[in-house]
PDB file of N, CA and C in Angstrom:
ATOM      1  N   MET A   1      10.676   9.975  16.920  1.00  0.00           N
ATOM      2  CA  MET A   1       9.272   8.937  16.558  1.00  0.00           C
ATOM      3  C   MET A   1      10.257   8.108  14.955  1.00  0.00           C
ATOM      4  N   GLU A   2      10.348   6.562  14.907  1.00  0.00           N
ATOM      5  CA  GLU A   2      10.525   5.379  14.300  1.00  0.00           C
ATOM      6  C   GLU A   2       9.467   4.842  13.373  1.00  0.00           C
ATOM      7  N   LEU A   3       9.420   5.683  12.020  1.00  0.00           N
ATOM      8  CA  LEU A   3       8.454   4.804  11.515  1.00  0.00           C
ATOM      9  C   LEU A   3       8.530   3.947  10.606  1.00  0.00           C
ATOM     10  N   LEU A   4       7.358   3.284  11.028  1.00  0.00           N
ATOM     11  CA  LEU A   4       7.192   1.899  10.011  1.00  0.00           C
ATOM     12  C   LEU A   4       7.300   1.871   8.386  1.00  0.00           C
ATOM     13  N   ASN A   5       7.837   0.950   8.525  1.00  0.00           N
ATOM     14  CA  ASN A   5       7.678   0.586   6.998  1.00  0.00           C
ATOM     15  C   ASN A   5       6.375  -0.313   6.589  1.00  0.00           C
ATOM     16  N   HIS A   6       5.540   0.641   5.467  1.00  0.00           N
ATOM     17  CA  HIS A   6       4.697  -0.396   4.917  1.00  0.00           C
ATOM     18  C   HIS A   6       4.229  -0.416   3.794  1.00  0.00           C
ATOM     19  N   ASP A   7       5.097  -0.430   2.712  1.00  0.00           N
ATOM     20  CA  ASP A   7       5.203  -1.011   1.259  1.00  0.00           C
ATOM     21  C   ASP A   7       5.126  -2.885   1.579  1.00  0.00           C
ATOM     22  N   LEU A   8       4.567  -2.957   0.418  1.00  0.00           N
ATOM     23  CA  LEU A   8       3.593  -4.180   0.350  1.00  0.00           C
ATOM     24  C   LEU A   8       4.902  -5.329   0.629  1.00  0.00           C
ATOM     25  N   ALA A   9       6.059  -5.277   0.314  1.00  0.00           N
ATOM     26  CA  ALA A   9       6.860  -6.371   0.909  1.00  0.00           C
ATOM     27  C   ALA A   9       7.135  -6.356   1.726  1.00  0.00           C
ATOM     28  N   HIS A  10       7.324  -5.906   2.918  1.00  0.00           N
ATOM     29  CA  HIS A  10       7.259  -5.844   4.707  1.00  0.00           C
ATOM     30  C   HIS A  10       6.041  -6.052   4.807  1.00  0.00           C
ATOM     31  N   GLU A  11       5.089  -5.690   4.027  1.00  0.00           N
ATOM     32  CA  GLU A  11       3.357  -5.894   4.993  1.00  0.00           C
ATOM     33  C   GLU A  11       3.283  -7.469   4.623  1.00  0.00           C
ATOM     34  N   PHE A  12       3.311  -7.989   3.039  1.00  0.00           N
ATOM     35  CA  PHE A  12       3.396  -9.342   3.140  1.00  0.00           C
ATOM     36  C   PHE A  12       4.444 -10.670   2.647  1.00  0.00           C
ATOM     37  N   PRO A  13       5.436 -10.191   3.385  1.00  0.00           N
ATOM     38  CA  PRO A  13       6.583 -11.046   3.034  1.00  0.00           C
ATOM     39  C   PRO A  13       6.648 -12.465   2.222  1.00  0.00           C
ATOM     40  N   GLN A  14       5.270 -13.421   3.239  1.00  0.00           N
ATOM     41  CA  GLN A  14       5.282 -14.863   2.147  1.00  0.00           C
ATOM     42  C   GLN A  14       4.125 -14.766   1.019  1.00  0.00           C
ATOM     43  N   TYR A  15       4.280 -13.328   0.729  1.00  0.00           N
ATOM     44  CA  TYR A  15       3.472 -13.426  -0.722  1.00  0.00           C
ATOM     45  C   TYR A  15       4.309 -12.908  -1.943  1.00  0.00           C
ATOM     46  N   LEU A  16       5.789 -12.405  -1.675  1.00  0.00           N
ATOM     47  CA  LEU A  16       6.616 -12.024  -2.629  1.00  0.00           C
ATOM     48  C   LEU A  16       5.762 -12.800  -4.151  1.00  0.00           C
ATOM     49  N   GLU A  17       6.368 -13.769  -4.291  1.00  0.00           N
ATOM     50  CA  GLU A  17       6.198 -14.565  -5.307  1.00  0.00           C
ATOM     51  C   GLU A  17       5.203 -14.249  -5.992  1.00  0.00           C
ATOM     52  N   LYS A  18       4.186 -14.746  -5.112  1.00  0.00           N
ATOM     53  CA  LYS A  18       2.346 -14.549  -5.918  1.00  0.00           C
ATOM     54  C   LYS A  18       2.228 -13.451  -6.451  1.00  0.00           C
ATOM     55  N   MET A  19       2.491 -12.453  -5.541  1.00  0.00           N
ATOM     56  CA  MET A  19       2.597 -10.519  -5.730  1.00  0.00           C
ATOM     57  C   MET A  19       2.536 -10.306  -7.206  1.00  0.00           C
ATOM     58  N   LYS A  20       4.164 -11.109  -7.511  1.00  0.00           N
ATOM     59  CA  LYS A  20       4.767 -10.773  -8.681  1.00  0.00           C
ATOM     60  C   LYS A  20       3.888 -11.552  -9.600  1.00  0.00           C
ATOM     61  N   GLN A  21       3.445 -12.574  -9.681  1.00  0.00           N
ATOM     62  CA  GLN A  21       2.730 -12.915 -10.391  1.00  0.00           C
ATOM     63  C   GLN A  21       1.361 -12.627 -10.745  1.00  0.00           C
ATOM     64  N   LEU A  22       0.822 -12.107  -9.870  1.00  0.00           N
ATOM     65  CA  LEU A  22      -0.438 -11.233  -9.857  1.00  0.00           C
ATOM     66  C   LEU A  22      -0.403 -10.206 -10.451  1.00  0.00           C
ATOM     67  N   LYS A  23       0.840  -9.162 -10.432  1.00  0.00           N
ATOM     68  CA  LYS A  23       0.899  -7.970 -11.348  1.00  0.00           C
ATOM     69  C   LYS A  23       0.707  -8.406 -12.382  1.00  0.00           C
ATOM     70  N   ALA A  24       1.473  -9.506 -12.806  1.00  0.00           N
ATOM     71  CA  ALA A  24       2.014  -9.323 -14.534  1.00  0.00           C
ATOM     72  C   ALA A  24       0.566 -10.530 -14.859  1.00  0.00           C
ATOM     73  N   SER A  25      -0.496 -10.742 -14.365  1.00  0.00           N
ATOM     74  CA  SER A  25      -1.509 -11.899 -14.616  1.00  0.00           C
ATOM     75  C   SER A  25      -2.710 -10.551 -14.383  1.00  0.00           C
ATOM     76  N   ASP A  26      -2.366  -9.848 -13.827  1.00  0.00           N
ATOM     77  CA  ASP A  26      -4.084  -9.519 -13.203  1.00  0.00           C
ATOM     78  C   ASP A  26      -4.124  -7.721 -13.186  1.00  0.00           C
ATOM     79  N   ALA A  27      -4.825  -7.191 -14.228  1.00  0.00           N
ATOM     80  CA  ALA A  27      -4.791  -6.144 -14.363  1.00  0.00           C
ATOM     81  C   ALA A  27      -5.797  -5.430 -13.153  1.00  0.00           C
ATOM     82  N   HIS A  28      -6.071  -5.294 -12.809  1.00  0.00           N
ATOM     83  CA  HIS A  28      -7.117  -4.864 -11.237  1.00  0.00           C
ATOM     84  C   HIS A  28      -6.017  -5.115 -10.376  1.00  0.00           C
ATOM     85  N   PHE A  29      -5.297  -6.429  -9.518  1.00  0.00           N
ATOM     86  CA  PHE A  29      -4.281  -6.656  -8.814  1.00  0.00           C
ATOM     87  C   PHE A  29      -3.188  -5.672  -9.018  1.00  0.00           C
ATOM     88  N   SER A  30      -2.691  -5.667 -10.132  1.00  0.00           N
ATOM     89  CA  SER A  30      -1.553  -4.207 -10.690  1.00  0.00           C
ATOM     90  C   SER A  30      -1.917  -2.823  -9.501  1.00  0.00           C
ATOM     91  N   SER A  31      -3.290  -2.770 -10.351  1.00  0.00           N
ATOM     92  CA  SER A  31      -3.645  -1.323 -10.282  1.00  0.00           C
ATOM     93  C   SER A  31      -4.001  -0.818  -8.855  1.00  0.00           C
ATOM     94  N   LEU A  32      -4.086  -1.879  -8.349  1.00  0.00           N
ATOM     95  CA  LEU A  32      -4.423  -1.529  -6.798  1.00  0.00           C
ATOM     96  C   LEU A  32      -2.894  -1.706  -6.043  1.00  0.00           C
ATOM     97  N   CYS A  33      -2.070  -2.108  -6.337  1.00  0.00           N
ATOM     98  CA  CYS A  33      -0.733  -2.649  -6.016  1.00  0.00           C
ATOM     99  C   CYS A  33      -0.061  -1.302  -6.064  1.00  0.00           C
ATOM    100  N   GLU A  34      -0.621  -0.589  -7.422  1.00  0.00           N
ATOM    101  CA  GLU A  34       0.361   0.825  -7.668  1.00  0.00           C
ATOM    102  C   GLU A  34      -0.645   1.801  -7.085  1.00  0.00           C
ATOM    103  N   HIS A  35      -1.860   2.091  -6.527  1.00  0.00           N
ATOM    104  CA  HIS A  35      -2.256   3.170  -5.813  1.00  0.00           C
ATOM    105  C   HIS A  35      -2.110   2.977  -4.465  1.00  0.00           C
ATOM    106  N   TYR A  36      -1.887   1.758  -4.000  1.00  0.00           N
ATOM    107  CA  TYR A  36      -0.946   1.529  -2.484  1.00  0.00           C
ATOM    108  C   TYR A  36      -0.156   2.057  -2.410  1.00  0.00           C
ATOM    109  N   ASP A  37       1.002   1.950  -3.867  1.00  0.00           N
ATOM    110  CA  ASP A  37       2.738   2.175  -3.445  1.00  0.00           C
ATOM    111  C   ASP A  37       2.002   3.811  -3.221  1.00  0.00           C
ATOM    112  N   THR A  38       1.575   4.439  -4.428  1.00  0.00           N
ATOM    113  CA  THR A  38       1.092   5.689  -4.563  1.00  0.00           C
ATOM    114  C   THR A  38       0.835   6.712  -3.103  1.00  0.00           C
ATOM    115  N   ASP A  39      -0.024   6.053  -2.420  1.00  0.00           N
ATOM    116  CA  ASP A  39      -0.806   6.542  -1.496  1.00  0.00           C
ATOM    117  C   ASP A  39       0.557   6.144  -0.097  1.00  0.00           C
ATOM    118  N   ASN A  40       1.141   4.768  -0.270  1.00  0.00           N
ATOM    119  CA  ASN A  40       1.889   4.661   0.911  1.00  0.00           C
ATOM    120  C   ASN A  40       3.055   5.500   0.980  1.00  0.00           C
ATOM    121  N   HIS A  41       3.581   6.150  -0.289  1.00  0.00           N
ATOM    122  CA  HIS A  41       4.527   6.952  -0.885  1.00  0.00           C
ATOM    123  C   HIS A  41       4.312   8.284  -0.309  1.00  0.00           C
ATOM    124  N   THR A  42       2.753   8.878  -0.621  1.00  0.00           N
ATOM    125  CA  THR A  42       2.760  10.449   0.141  1.00  0.00           C
ATOM    126  C   THR A  42       2.973  10.120   1.276  1.00  0.00           C
ATOM    127  N   ILE A  43       2.351   9.276   1.824  1.00  0.00           N
ATOM    128  CA  ILE A  43       2.180   8.988   3.084  1.00  0.00           C
ATOM    129  C   ILE A  43       3.602   9.643   4.100  1.00  0.00           C
ATOM    130  N   THR A  44       4.071   8.459   3.281  1.00  0.00           N
ATOM    131  CA  THR A  44       5.619   8.467   4.082  1.00  0.00           C
ATOM    132  C   THR A  44       6.307   9.701   4.018  1.00  0.00           C
ATOM    133  N   GLN A  45       6.247  10.369   3.038  1.00  0.00           N
ATOM    134  CA  GLN A  45       7.118  11.953   2.144  1.00  0.00           C
ATOM    135  C   GLN A  45       6.738  12.095   3.458  1.00  0.00           C
ATOM    136  N   TYR A  46       5.205  12.896   3.744  1.00  0.00           N
ATOM    137  CA  TYR A  46       4.524  13.827   4.731  1.00  0.00           C
ATOM    138  C   TYR A  46       5.170  13.182   6.171  1.00  0.00           C
ATOM    139  N   GLU A  47       5.207  11.774   6.663  1.00  0.00           N
ATOM    140  CA  GLU A  47       5.588  11.634   7.943  1.00  0.00           C
ATOM    141  C   GLU A  47       6.887  11.323   7.914  1.00  0.00           C
ATOM    142  N   GLN A  48       8.135  12.085   7.142  1.00  0.00           N
ATOM    143  CA  GLN A  48       9.406  12.409   7.095  1.00  0.00           C
ATOM    144  C   GLN A  48       9.370  13.969   7.326  1.00  0.00           C
ATOM    145  N   GLY A  49       8.201  14.705   7.173  1.00  0.00           N
ATOM    146  CA  GLY A  49       8.457  16.209   7.107  1.00  0.00           C
ATOM    147  C   GLY A  49       8.847  16.658   5.396  1.00  0.00           C
ATOM    148  N   LYS A  50       8.836  16.132   4.722  1.00  0.00           N
ATOM    149  CA  LYS A  50       9.555  16.542   3.226  1.00  0.00           C
ATOM    150  C   LYS A  50       8.272  16.895   2.797  1.00  0.00           C
ATOM    151  N   THR A  51       6.335  16.768   2.875  1.00  0.00           N
ATOM    152  CA  THR A  51       5.589  17.503   2.120  1.00  0.00           C
ATOM    153  C   THR A  51       4.603  17.790   3.388  1.00  0.00           C
ATOM    154  N   ALA A  52       3.736  18.969   3.325  1.00  0.00           N
ATOM    155  CA  ALA A  52       3.500  19.483   4.102  1.00  0.00           C
ATOM    156  C   ALA A  52       1.111  18.296   3.412  1.00  0.00           C
ATOM    157  N   MET A  53       0.877  18.256   4.434  1.00  0.00           N
ATOM    158  CA  MET A  53      -0.669  17.837   4.045  1.00  0.00           C
ATOM    159  C   MET A  53      -1.707  18.232   5.919  1.00  0.00           C
ATOM    160  N   ALA A  54      -2.997  18.457   5.087  1.00  0.00           N
ATOM    161  CA  ALA A  54      -3.730  18.628   6.067  1.00  0.00           C
ATOM    162  C   ALA A  54      -3.829  17.411   7.122  1.00  0.00           C
ATOM    163  N   GLU A  55      -4.110  17.169   8.318  1.00  0.00           N
ATOM    164  CA  GLU A  55      -4.441  16.615   9.147  1.00  0.00           C
ATOM    165  C   GLU A  55      -5.877  15.451   8.691  1.00  0.00           C
ATOM    166  N   ASP A  56      -6.796  15.956   8.101  1.00  0.00           N
ATOM    167  CA  ASP A  56      -7.864  15.269   7.855  1.00  0.00           C
ATOM    168  C   ASP A  56      -7.647  15.039   6.433  1.00  0.00           C
ATOM    169  N   ALA A  57      -7.101  15.109   5.558  1.00  0.00           N
ATOM    170  CA  ALA A  57      -6.423  14.623   4.589  1.00  0.00           C
ATOM    171  C   ALA A  57      -5.144  13.496   4.548  1.00  0.00           C
ATOM    172  N   LEU A  58      -5.035  13.255   5.808  1.00  0.00           N
ATOM    173  CA  LEU A  58      -3.920  12.380   6.006  1.00  0.00           C
ATOM    174  C   LEU A  58      -4.887  11.401   6.185  1.00  0.00           C
ATOM    175  N   GLU A  59      -6.078  11.396   7.134  1.00  0.00           N
ATOM    176  CA  GLU A  59      -6.508   9.899   7.742  1.00  0.00           C
ATOM    177  C   GLU A  59      -6.958   9.269   6.855  1.00  0.00           C
ATOM    178  N   VAL A  60      -7.635  10.627   5.631  1.00  0.00           N
ATOM    179  CA  VAL A  60      -8.847  10.004   4.408  1.00  0.00           C
ATOM    180  C   VAL A  60      -7.716   8.938   3.662  1.00  0.00           C
ATOM    181  N   LEU A  61      -6.202   9.513   3.359  1.00  0.00           N
ATOM    182  CA  LEU A  61      -5.565   8.796   2.386  1.00  0.00           C
ATOM    183  C   LEU A  61      -4.871   7.428   3.144  1.00  0.00           C
ATOM    184  N   LYS A  62      -4.721   7.493   4.184  1.00  0.00           N
ATOM    185  CA  LYS A  62      -4.368   6.448   5.432  1.00  0.00           C
ATOM    186  C   LYS A  62      -5.669   5.564   5.405  1.00  0.00           C
ATOM    187  N   LYS A  63      -6.598   6.031   5.636  1.00  0.00           N
ATOM    188  CA  LYS A  63      -7.990   4.767   5.187  1.00  0.00           C
ATOM    189  C   LYS A  63      -8.023   4.536   4.247  1.00  0.00           C
ATOM    190  N   LYS A  64      -7.814   5.034   3.050  1.00  0.00           N
ATOM    191  CA  LYS A  64      -7.456   4.193   1.282  1.00  0.00           C
ATOM    192  C   LYS A  64      -6.580   3.253   1.761  1.00  0.00           C
ATOM    193  N   ARG A  65      -5.441   3.604   2.181  1.00  0.00           N
ATOM    194  CA  ARG A  65      -4.367   2.961   1.775  1.00  0.00           C
ATOM    195  C   ARG A  65      -4.548   1.412   3.007  1.00  0.00           C
ATOM    196  N   LEU A  66      -4.974   1.746   3.896  1.00  0.00           N
ATOM    197  CA  LEU A  66      -6.143   0.323   4.632  1.00  0.00           C
ATOM    198  C   LEU A  66      -6.907  -0.466   3.910  1.00  0.00           C
ATOM    199  N   GLU A  67      -7.619   0.113   3.065  1.00  0.00           N
ATOM    200  CA  GLU A  67      -8.693  -0.715   2.440  1.00  0.00           C
ATOM    201  C   GLU A  67      -8.139  -1.345   1.281  1.00  0.00           C
ATOM    202  N   ARG A  68      -6.913  -0.875   0.677  1.00  0.00           N
ATOM    203  CA  ARG A  68      -6.429  -1.070  -0.019  1.00  0.00           C
ATOM    204  C   ARG A  68      -5.441  -2.300   0.002  1.00  0.00           C
ATOM    205  N   LYS A  69      -4.711  -1.885   0.890  1.00  0.00           N
ATOM    206  CA  LYS A  69      -4.346  -3.125   1.792  1.00  0.00           C
ATOM    207  C   LYS A  69      -5.181  -4.103   2.043  1.00  0.00           C
ATOM    208  N   ASP A  70      -6.257  -4.050   2.533  1.00  0.00           N
ATOM    209  CA  ASP A  70      -7.153  -5.053   3.065  1.00  0.00           C
ATOM    210  C   ASP A  70      -7.428  -6.334   1.358  1.00  0.00           C
ATOM    211  N   GLU A  71      -7.783  -5.355   0.653  1.00  0.00           N
ATOM    212  CA  GLU A  71      -8.380  -5.962  -0.665  1.00  0.00           C
ATOM    213  C   GLU A  71      -6.869  -6.810  -1.519  1.00  0.00           C
ATOM    214  N   ILE A  72      -6.098  -6.135  -1.353  1.00  0.00           N
ATOM    215  CA  ILE A  72      -4.859  -6.809  -1.738  1.00  0.00           C
ATOM    216  C   ILE A  72      -4.750  -8.255  -0.732  1.00  0.00           C
ATOM    217  N   TYR A  73      -4.704  -8.080   0.365  1.00  0.00           N
ATOM    218  CA  TYR A  73      -4.247  -9.568   1.196  1.00  0.00           C
ATOM    219  C   TYR A  73      -5.661 -10.887   0.886  1.00  0.00           C
ATOM    220  N   GLN A  74      -6.872 -10.128   0.400  1.00  0.00           N
ATOM    221  CA  GLN A  74      -8.272 -10.810   0.473  1.00  0.00           C
ATOM    222  C   GLN A  74      -7.981 -11.619  -1.184  1.00  0.00           C
ATOM    223  N   ILE A  75      -7.064 -10.885  -2.119  1.00  0.00           N
ATOM    224  CA  ILE A  75      -6.840 -11.666  -3.217  1.00  0.00           C
ATOM    225  C   ILE A  75      -6.012 -12.763  -3.051  1.00  0.00           C
ATOM    226  N   LEU A  76      -5.009 -12.254  -2.257  1.00  0.00           N
ATOM    227  CA  LEU A  76      -3.486 -13.423  -2.136  1.00  0.00           C
ATOM    228  C   LEU A  76      -3.823 -14.544  -1.451  1.00  0.00           C
ATOM    229  N   LYS A  77      -4.475 -14.375  -0.080  1.00  0.00           N
ATOM    230  CA  LYS A  77      -4.658 -15.292   0.270  1.00  0.00           C
ATOM    231  C   LYS A  77      -5.849 -16.481  -0.268  1.00  0.00           C
ATOM    232  N   ALA A  78      -6.832 -15.787  -1.062  1.00  0.00           N
ATOM    233  CA  ALA A  78      -7.786 -16.460  -1.897  1.00  0.00           C
ATOM    234  C   ALA A  78      -7.393 -17.777  -3.063  1.00  0.00           C
ATOM    235  N   GLY A  79      -6.466 -17.370  -3.402  1.00  0.00           N
ATOM    236  CA  GLY A  79      -5.869 -18.364  -4.153  1.00  0.00           C
ATOM    237  C   GLY A  79      -4.459 -18.870  -3.648  1.00  0.00           C
TER     238      GLY A  79
END
């Protein structure tokens, strides 16, 4: 099974410069991105078979990642 890359650079390539600016100037946005990256890394480690995780915990983490991605996108498209 081929794994999809869900890092923010792949999710929002059209907003790379804006993400960089917001990370430097907006503490909330920066924190959202950090949490998203942490969750994404944890999920990727599981999907690559490098760590173990209960299926229900994985689903919760994936939902959190999606909620954060949605909030990040709303901020990016707003300004």
